[in-house]
Amino acid sequence: MQRLFSMFPRGWPGLALLSLRLSVALAVVAHLHDVHHQVAGWVYAAAISLPVSLGAGLLTPIGARVALVAPAVIWSSVGVPNSGLATIVTLDALALALLGPGAYSIDAYRFGRR
């Protein structure tokens, strides 16, 4: 499991990663709000767990990759309702997938330095 995470910085970099995780979570919630009438109920219910996991920092690298793929799947089926929001979701999720969760996350508590 250690290979999923690059490092868990504390201080200002850790707070920046926390704000990035919250930004991705809020962008995913905003996107889900835009398309919730166009997707199946079970897809919407399953997708709500993604921003909760990202906000808490639970399995962040996996959640960030899902945040990259899931909107693309939704966009391919219902179209892109808001291209600005689509860009924000994509770039934020990509940055989070590359950087990791940071020190202020459940991942750092579970998989960080002992």
Protein backbone atom coordinates (compact mmCIF):
# COMPACT_ATOMS: atom_id res chain seq x y z
CA MET A 1 0.00 0.00 0.00
CA GLN A 2 2.94 2.33 0.57
CA ARG A 3 3.60 2.56 -3.18
CA LEU A 4 0.29 4.42 -3.68
CA PHE A 5 1.53 7.41 -1.69
CA SER A 6 4.54 9.55 -2.46
CA MET A 7 4.77 11.48 0.81
CA PHE A 8 2.70 13.20 3.47
CA PRO A 9 3.93 16.80 3.85
CA ARG A 10 2.91 18.77 6.93
CA GLY A 11 2.56 22.52 7.44
CA TRP A 12 1.65 24.78 4.52
CA PRO A 13 2.09 22.09 1.85
CA GLY A 14 -0.17 19.76 3.85
CA LEU A 15 -2.81 22.49 4.14
CA ALA A 16 -2.52 23.15 0.40
CA LEU A 17 -3.16 19.46 -0.31
CA LEU A 18 -6.12 19.52 2.08
CA SER A 19 -7.59 22.48 0.20
CA LEU A 20 -6.94 20.69 -3.12
CA ARG A 21 -8.78 17.59 -1.85
CA LEU A 22 -11.71 19.76 -0.74
CA SER A 23 -11.67 21.59 -4.08
CA VAL A 24 -11.91 18.32 -5.99
CA ALA A 25 -14.67 17.08 -3.68
CA LEU A 26 -16.70 20.29 -4.10
CA ALA A 27 -16.19 20.30 -7.88
CA VAL A 28 -17.42 16.70 -8.08
CA VAL A 29 -20.47 17.59 -5.95
CA ALA A 30 -21.21 20.59 -8.19
CA HIS A 31 -20.90 18.43 -11.29
CA LEU A 32 -23.15 15.75 -9.79
CA HIS A 33 -25.71 18.44 -8.99
CA ASP A 34 -25.66 19.52 -12.66
CA VAL A 35 -26.32 16.02 -14.03
CA HIS A 36 -28.29 14.28 -11.25
CA HIS A 37 -31.50 14.25 -13.30
CA GLN A 38 -29.76 12.63 -16.26
CA VAL A 39 -28.03 9.69 -14.55
CA ALA A 40 -29.47 6.63 -12.85
CA GLY A 41 -30.18 6.85 -9.15
CA TRP A 42 -27.70 4.14 -8.21
CA VAL A 43 -24.94 5.90 -10.16
CA TYR A 44 -25.68 9.13 -8.30
CA ALA A 45 -25.73 7.35 -4.93
CA ALA A 46 -22.43 5.62 -5.65
CA ALA A 47 -20.86 8.84 -6.90
CA ILE A 48 -21.72 10.69 -3.67
CA SER A 49 -19.27 8.47 -1.79
CA LEU A 50 -16.42 9.84 -3.94
CA PRO A 51 -16.40 13.44 -2.62
CA VAL A 52 -16.83 12.17 0.94
CA SER A 53 -13.80 9.91 0.55
CA LEU A 54 -11.74 12.64 -1.10
CA GLY A 55 -12.63 15.22 1.53
CA ALA A 56 -11.60 12.90 4.34
CA GLY A 57 -8.48 11.75 2.53
CA LEU A 58 -9.42 8.08 2.43
CA LEU A 59 -7.68 6.16 -0.41
CA THR A 60 -7.00 9.49 -2.10
CA PRO A 61 -4.94 8.27 -5.10
CA ILE A 62 -7.66 5.79 -6.05
CA GLY A 63 -10.41 8.36 -5.47
CA ALA A 64 -8.59 10.96 -7.57
CA ARG A 65 -8.29 8.50 -10.44
CA VAL A 66 -11.99 7.70 -10.14
CA ALA A 67 -12.69 11.45 -10.11
CA LEU A 68 -10.83 11.62 -13.43
CA VAL A 69 -12.67 8.70 -15.02
CA ALA A 70 -16.21 9.00 -13.64
CA PRO A 71 -16.98 12.48 -15.00
CA ALA A 72 -15.60 11.46 -18.39
CA VAL A 73 -17.97 8.50 -18.45
CA ILE A 74 -20.89 10.73 -17.45
CA TRP A 75 -19.89 13.37 -20.03
CA SER A 76 -19.77 10.77 -22.77
CA SER A 77 -23.32 9.64 -21.99
CA VAL A 78 -25.11 12.93 -21.18
CA GLY A 79 -22.79 15.57 -22.62
CA VAL A 80 -20.83 18.32 -20.89
CA PRO A 81 -23.28 20.70 -19.21
CA ASN A 82 -20.62 23.16 -18.03
CA SER A 83 -17.22 23.15 -19.74
CA GLY A 84 -15.62 25.38 -17.09
CA LEU A 85 -16.60 23.00 -14.32
CA ALA A 86 -15.45 20.06 -16.44
CA THR A 87 -12.02 21.66 -16.79
CA ILE A 88 -11.76 22.34 -13.05
CA VAL A 89 -12.75 18.78 -12.13
CA THR A 90 -10.25 17.31 -14.58
CA LEU A 91 -7.27 19.51 -13.65
CA ASP A 92 -7.86 19.31 -9.90
CA ALA A 93 -8.29 15.54 -9.94
CA LEU A 94 -5.15 15.15 -12.06
CA ALA A 95 -3.12 17.29 -9.65
CA LEU A 96 -4.46 15.36 -6.67
CA ALA A 97 -3.70 12.01 -8.30
CA LEU A 98 -0.11 13.11 -8.90
CA LEU A 99 0.53 14.77 -5.51
CA GLY A 100 -1.21 12.50 -3.01
CA PRO A 101 -3.28 13.21 0.10
CA GLY A 102 -0.94 15.16 2.42
CA ALA A 103 -0.46 14.87 6.18
CA TYR A 104 -3.98 15.93 7.15
CA SER A 105 -5.79 12.87 5.87
CA ILE A 106 -6.90 9.41 6.91
CA ASP A 107 -4.34 8.00 4.47
CA ALA A 108 -1.49 9.71 6.35
CA TYR A 109 -2.79 8.32 9.62
CA ARG A 110 -3.12 4.80 8.23
CA PHE A 111 -0.18 4.55 5.82
CA GLY A 112 2.20 7.36 6.82
CA ARG A 113 5.44 7.24 8.75
CA ARG A 114 5.26 5.35 12.01
